[in-house]
């Protein structure tokens, strides 16, 4: 056997002896509980992390199934004439990619206010109740967002009306904040419910509720116009200091929007007697409100 082999054998025996001595002198009565405790702690931490992730996934899946969403959509509405008739097709198109409440508002308090306002919308009043100073700030942020986005479009500027809405979860599949833009002349037509039910068609049959929402929006706008003719005798302060006890929830905005949109597919007529009956059962009698 060479000297090199003898040296390797000696080193191996020395390491084995050291390992044996280490095991013999180990305080096992203290090491075993520590190892066991750390292993159990690892399992508990892993299990808790998995449970939280799984629970978060289930909550997200439940929100998706129920149609709840934090999205904020900005949509322009048009009335496209049906050739050869006096009817119109209601078109609505997104003006920008959808954003979320968290992205639109950097203030956590503003996010909470928007979600609460959206929860309190009803069939009768789909417009977010943005009264008061905080409501003014919430409305103003959304208003400025879309105004800035449309500031550089190549289309001629027109006066549109802007409103933040959230359609009632009883009749829409997906609950989210929808910011409506519509020309004043078009919204004025929606104030007449008889005209709406007889002269407006939709691109899809399930878009019928958007006609209802715009009719309610037109009613709210008319009320705001009447209130503007009889202003409060109390002088209004500057927006930065005034309490904004009353303010317009439907505001004018000057923007350039592409308006030569065409309907997708064959326009659908709405079976209004059946839909009006369903709305009446939910507390909204459109024919009665129009008659009054």
Protein backbone atom coordinates (compact mmCIF):
# COMPACT_ATOMS: atom_id res chain seq x y z
CA UNK A 1 0.00 0.00 0.00
CA UNK A 2 1.35 3.37 -1.00
CA UNK A 3 1.94 6.19 1.42
CA UNK A 4 -0.95 8.13 -0.20
CA UNK A 5 -3.38 5.28 0.42
CA UNK A 6 -2.20 4.94 4.01
CA UNK A 7 -2.74 8.66 4.54
CA UNK A 8 -6.30 8.54 3.14
CA UNK A 9 -7.11 5.55 5.36
CA UNK A 10 -5.78 7.38 8.42
CA UNK A 11 -7.83 10.51 7.63
CA UNK A 12 -10.97 8.39 7.14
CA UNK A 13 -10.52 6.61 10.45
CA UNK A 14 -9.84 9.93 12.16
CA UNK A 15 -13.07 11.48 10.76
CA UNK A 16 -15.07 8.45 11.79
CA UNK A 17 -13.63 8.67 15.31
CA UNK A 18 -14.47 12.41 15.49
CA UNK A 19 -18.02 11.82 14.33
CA UNK A 20 -18.45 9.04 16.88
CA UNK A 21 -17.12 11.27 19.67
CA UNK A 22 -19.45 14.11 18.54
CA UNK A 23 -22.49 11.86 18.70
CA UNK A 24 -21.42 10.47 22.08
CA UNK A 25 -20.99 13.92 23.65
CA UNK A 26 -24.18 15.44 22.13
CA UNK A 27 -26.79 16.60 24.70
CA UNK A 28 -29.68 14.75 23.10
CA UNK A 29 -32.12 15.65 25.86
CA UNK A 30 -31.89 19.27 24.68
CA UNK A 31 -31.30 18.85 20.94
CA UNK A 32 -34.27 16.60 20.19
CA UNK A 33 -36.91 18.98 21.64
CA UNK A 34 -35.37 21.91 19.73
CA UNK A 35 -35.38 20.02 16.44
CA UNK A 36 -38.91 18.77 17.03
CA UNK A 37 -40.14 22.27 17.97
CA UNK A 38 -38.61 23.90 14.90
CA UNK A 39 -40.06 21.22 12.63
CA UNK A 40 -43.51 21.66 14.13
CA UNK A 41 -43.17 25.45 13.81
CA UNK A 42 -42.25 25.06 10.15
CA UNK A 43 -45.27 22.85 9.53
CA UNK A 44 -47.58 25.29 11.32
CA UNK A 45 -46.19 28.27 9.36
CA UNK A 46 -46.49 26.44 6.08
CA UNK A 47 -50.03 25.34 6.90
CA UNK A 48 -51.10 28.86 7.92
CA UNK A 49 -49.63 30.37 4.73
CA UNK A 50 -51.36 27.78 2.58
CA UNK A 51 -54.67 28.37 4.40
CA UNK A 52 -54.47 32.15 3.92
CA UNK A 53 -53.64 31.82 0.23
CA UNK A 54 -56.39 29.24 -0.26
CA UNK A 55 -58.88 31.42 1.62
CA UNK A 56 -57.92 34.45 -0.47
CA UNK A 57 -58.41 32.38 -3.60
CA UNK A 58 -61.85 31.25 -2.43
CA UNK A 59 -62.89 34.84 -1.64
CA UNK A 60 -61.70 36.02 -5.06
CA UNK A 61 -63.54 33.14 -6.72
CA UNK A 62 -66.70 33.99 -4.78
CA UNK A 63 -66.49 37.66 -5.81
CA UNK A 64 -66.06 36.60 -9.43
CA UNK A 65 -69.05 34.26 -9.16
CA UNK A 66 -71.22 37.00 -7.58
CA UNK A 67 -70.12 39.59 -10.13
CA UNK A 68 -68.55 41.99 -7.63
CA UNK A 69 -65.71 44.03 -9.06
CA UNK A 70 -63.49 46.97 -8.11
CA UNK A 71 -63.29 48.05 -11.75
CA UNK A 72 -64.07 51.61 -12.81
CA UNK A 73 -65.29 51.95 -16.41
CA UNK A 74 -65.61 55.15 -18.44
CA UNK A 75 -68.24 54.70 -21.15
CA UNK A 76 -69.63 57.03 -23.81
CA UNK A 77 -73.26 56.57 -24.92
CA UNK A 78 -74.64 57.25 -28.40
CA UNK A 79 -77.98 57.02 -30.16
CA UNK A 80 -77.42 55.61 -33.64
CA UNK A 81 -80.39 56.03 -36.07
CA UNK A 82 -81.90 52.88 -37.59
CA UNK A 83 -82.18 53.53 -41.35
CA UNK A 84 -85.74 53.77 -42.65
CA UNK A 85 -87.30 54.12 -39.19
CA UNK A 86 -87.59 56.65 -36.42
CA UNK A 87 -85.84 54.29 -34.03
CA UNK A 88 -82.38 54.46 -32.52
CA UNK A 89 -79.86 51.91 -31.29
CA UNK A 90 -78.24 52.59 -27.95
CA UNK A 91 -74.48 52.16 -28.22
CA UNK A 92 -72.02 52.45 -25.38
CA UNK A 93 -68.27 52.16 -25.75
CA UNK A 94 -65.36 52.20 -23.32
CA UNK A 95 -63.26 55.33 -23.64
CA UNK A 96 -60.19 53.92 -21.96
CA UNK A 97 -58.97 50.65 -20.54
CA UNK A 98 -60.68 49.75 -17.30
CA UNK A 99 -59.02 50.90 -14.12
CA UNK A 100 -59.73 49.99 -10.50
CA UNK A 101 -60.83 51.92 -7.46
CA UNK A 102 -57.36 51.45 -5.94
CA UNK A 103 -55.63 52.78 -9.06
CA UNK A 104 -57.96 55.73 -9.49
CA UNK A 105 -57.77 56.89 -5.86
CA UNK A 106 -54.47 56.94 -4.01
CA UNK A 107 -56.20 57.81 -0.72
CA UNK A 108 -57.51 54.70 1.15
CA UNK A 109 -60.34 56.77 2.66
CA UNK A 110 -61.50 57.81 -0.83
CA UNK A 111 -61.51 54.16 -1.91
CA UNK A 112 -63.71 53.23 1.03
CA UNK A 113 -66.10 56.11 0.30
CA UNK A 114 -66.47 55.11 -3.36
CA UNK A 115 -67.24 51.49 -2.48
CA UNK A 116 -69.80 52.54 0.12
CA UNK A 117 -71.48 54.92 -2.32
CA UNK A 118 -71.63 52.16 -4.92
CA UNK A 119 -73.30 49.83 -2.41
CA UNK A 120 -76.03 52.40 -1.71
CA UNK A 121 -77.12 52.92 -5.33
CA UNK A 122 -80.61 51.70 -6.18
CA UNK A 123 -82.81 51.05 -9.17
CA UNK A 124 -84.43 54.42 -8.65
CA UNK A 125 -81.16 56.31 -8.27
CA UNK A 126 -78.13 54.67 -9.91
CA UNK A 127 -76.03 57.86 -9.58
CA UNK A 128 -73.51 57.81 -6.74
CA UNK A 129 -74.58 60.18 -3.97
CA UNK A 130 -71.50 62.37 -3.92
CA UNK A 131 -72.84 65.13 -1.69
CA UNK A 132 -70.58 66.99 0.70
CA UNK A 133 -66.92 67.89 0.50
CA UNK A 134 -65.69 64.28 0.41
CA UNK A 135 -68.18 63.35 -2.27
CA UNK A 136 -67.10 66.36 -4.33
CA UNK A 137 -63.47 65.22 -4.14
CA UNK A 138 -64.37 61.68 -5.19
CA UNK A 139 -66.40 62.92 -8.16
CA UNK A 140 -63.77 65.47 -9.12
CA UNK A 141 -60.97 62.90 -9.23
CA UNK A 142 -62.88 60.65 -11.63
CA UNK A 143 -63.94 63.69 -13.69
CA UNK A 144 -60.34 64.91 -14.00
CA UNK A 145 -59.10 61.42 -14.85
CA UNK A 146 -61.24 61.05 -17.96
CA UNK A 147 -60.85 64.72 -18.91
CA UNK A 148 -57.09 64.29 -18.89
CA UNK A 149 -57.27 61.04 -20.85
CA UNK A 150 -59.39 62.65 -23.59
CA UNK A 151 -57.50 65.95 -23.65
CA UNK A 152 -55.30 64.99 -26.61
CA UNK A 153 -57.76 63.10 -28.83
CA UNK A 154 -57.97 64.31 -32.46
CA UNK A 155 -61.77 64.50 -32.46
CA UNK A 156 -63.70 67.79 -32.25
CA UNK A 157 -64.60 68.84 -28.74
CA UNK A 158 -68.24 68.77 -27.70
CA UNK A 159 -70.11 69.31 -24.47
CA UNK A 160 -70.97 66.02 -22.82
CA UNK A 161 -72.51 65.15 -19.47
CA UNK A 162 -70.54 63.11 -16.94
CA UNK A 163 -71.96 61.05 -14.05
CA UNK A 164 -70.66 58.30 -11.76
CA UNK A 165 -73.09 55.40 -11.51
CA UNK A 166 -73.33 51.87 -10.18
CA UNK A 167 -76.19 49.85 -11.57
CA UNK A 168 -78.19 47.79 -9.10
CA UNK A 169 -76.81 44.29 -8.48
CA UNK A 170 -80.34 42.84 -8.69
CA UNK A 171 -80.44 43.27 -12.45
CA UNK A 172 -76.86 43.47 -13.74
CA UNK A 173 -74.38 40.63 -13.89
CA UNK A 174 -71.34 42.63 -12.86
CA UNK A 175 -71.35 45.28 -10.17
CA UNK A 176 -68.77 48.01 -10.71
CA UNK A 177 -68.54 51.79 -10.94
CA UNK A 178 -69.47 53.02 -14.39
CA UNK A 179 -68.83 56.63 -15.33
CA UNK A 180 -71.34 57.63 -18.01
CA UNK A 181 -70.74 60.24 -20.71
CA UNK A 182 -73.64 61.28 -22.93
CA UNK A 183 -74.57 64.32 -24.98
CA UNK A 184 -77.10 66.65 -23.32
CA UNK A 185 -79.51 66.40 -26.27
CA UNK A 186 -79.47 62.59 -26.08
CA UNK A 187 -79.96 62.52 -22.33
CA UNK A 188 -82.91 64.89 -22.68
CA UNK A 189 -84.61 62.32 -24.91
CA UNK A 190 -84.19 59.66 -22.26
CA UNK A 191 -86.31 61.68 -19.85
CA UNK A 192 -89.43 60.58 -21.77
CA UNK A 193 -89.98 56.95 -20.82
CA UNK A 194 -92.69 56.40 -23.44
CA UNK A 195 -90.25 57.50 -26.13
CA UNK A 196 -87.55 55.23 -24.67
CA UNK A 197 -89.66 52.08 -24.72
CA UNK A 198 -91.02 52.73 -28.21
CA UNK A 199 -88.00 54.10 -30.06
CA UNK A 200 -84.80 52.63 -28.59
CA UNK A 201 -83.27 49.29 -29.44
CA UNK A 202 -80.15 47.66 -28.05
CA UNK A 203 -77.15 45.89 -29.50
CA UNK A 204 -77.80 42.97 -27.14
CA UNK A 205 -81.10 42.02 -25.45
CA UNK A 206 -79.55 42.13 -21.97
CA UNK A 207 -78.58 45.80 -22.46
CA UNK A 208 -82.15 46.84 -21.71
CA UNK A 209 -81.30 47.92 -18.17
CA UNK A 210 -78.88 50.54 -19.47
CA UNK A 211 -81.91 52.30 -20.97
CA UNK A 212 -83.52 52.28 -17.52
CA UNK A 213 -80.35 53.66 -15.93
CA UNK A 214 -80.14 56.47 -18.49
CA UNK A 215 -83.82 57.30 -17.96
CA UNK A 216 -83.20 57.63 -14.23
CA UNK A 217 -80.09 59.67 -14.98
CA UNK A 218 -82.15 62.01 -17.17
CA UNK A 219 -84.68 62.44 -14.37
CA UNK A 220 -81.91 63.34 -11.95
CA UNK A 221 -80.42 65.79 -14.45
CA UNK A 222 -83.76 67.53 -14.94
CA UNK A 223 -84.07 67.94 -11.18
CA UNK A 224 -80.59 69.44 -10.96
CA UNK A 225 -81.42 71.84 -13.79
CA UNK A 226 -84.54 72.98 -11.94
CA UNK A 227 -82.60 73.43 -8.71
CA UNK A 228 -80.02 75.52 -10.57
CA UNK A 229 -82.77 77.96 -11.60
CA UNK A 230 -83.60 78.53 -7.93
CA UNK A 231 -80.24 78.61 -6.17
CA UNK A 232 -79.95 78.73 -2.41
CA UNK A 233 -79.76 82.29 -0.99
CA UNK A 234 -76.72 81.18 0.99
CA UNK A 235 -73.60 82.27 -0.90
CA UNK A 236 -71.36 79.45 -2.05
CA UNK A 237 -67.70 79.59 -1.11
CA UNK A 238 -64.73 78.51 -3.11
CA UNK A 239 -64.60 74.77 -3.86
CA UNK A 240 -61.59 74.31 -1.60
CA UNK A 241 -63.39 75.64 1.48
CA UNK A 242 -67.09 75.20 0.75
CA UNK A 243 -68.89 72.25 2.37
CA UNK A 244 -70.64 71.38 -0.89
CA UNK A 245 -73.92 70.53 0.79
CA UNK A 246 -75.38 70.55 -2.72
CA UNK A 247 -73.58 70.21 -5.99
CA UNK A 248 -74.19 68.78 -9.43
CA UNK A 249 -73.71 65.05 -9.58
CA UNK A 250 -74.14 65.27 -13.36
CA UNK A 251 -71.50 67.66 -14.67
CA UNK A 252 -70.69 69.15 -18.05
CA UNK A 253 -67.39 68.24 -19.64
CA UNK A 254 -65.80 69.37 -22.91
CA UNK A 255 -64.03 66.48 -24.63
CA UNK A 256 -63.37 65.03 -28.05
CA UNK A 257 -64.88 61.55 -28.58
CA UNK A 258 -65.17 59.39 -31.69
CA UNK A 259 -68.89 59.39 -32.47
CA UNK A 260 -69.14 57.47 -35.76
CA UNK A 261 -69.71 54.15 -34.04
CA UNK A 262 -71.87 51.53 -35.74
CA UNK A 263 -74.04 48.85 -34.09
CA UNK A 264 -72.61 45.38 -33.76
CA UNK A 265 -75.04 42.86 -35.22
CA UNK A 266 -78.78 43.24 -35.67
CA UNK A 267 -80.41 45.66 -33.19
CA UNK A 268 -82.66 43.94 -30.67
CA UNK A 269 -86.09 45.18 -29.68
CA UNK A 270 -86.90 44.89 -25.98
CA UNK A 271 -90.02 43.15 -24.65
CA UNK A 272 -90.81 45.99 -22.27
CA UNK A 273 -94.05 44.72 -20.70
CA UNK A 274 -92.20 41.77 -19.16
CA UNK A 275 -89.22 43.86 -18.11
CA UNK A 276 -91.41 46.61 -16.63
CA UNK A 277 -93.27 44.00 -14.62
CA UNK A 278 -90.01 42.70 -13.18
CA UNK A 279 -88.88 46.24 -12.34
CA UNK A 280 -92.22 46.98 -10.70
CA UNK A 281 -91.80 43.95 -8.43
CA UNK A 282 -88.43 45.40 -7.40
CA UNK A 283 -89.97 48.76 -6.54
CA UNK A 284 -89.54 50.81 -9.72
CA UNK A 285 -92.72 51.63 -11.63
CA UNK A 286 -91.47 53.52 -14.67
CA UNK A 287 -94.89 54.19 -16.16
CA UNK A 288 -96.16 55.66 -12.89
CA UNK A 289 -93.10 57.88 -12.45
CA UNK A 290 -93.38 59.11 -16.05
CA UNK A 291 -97.06 59.91 -15.63
CA UNK A 292 -96.31 61.99 -12.55
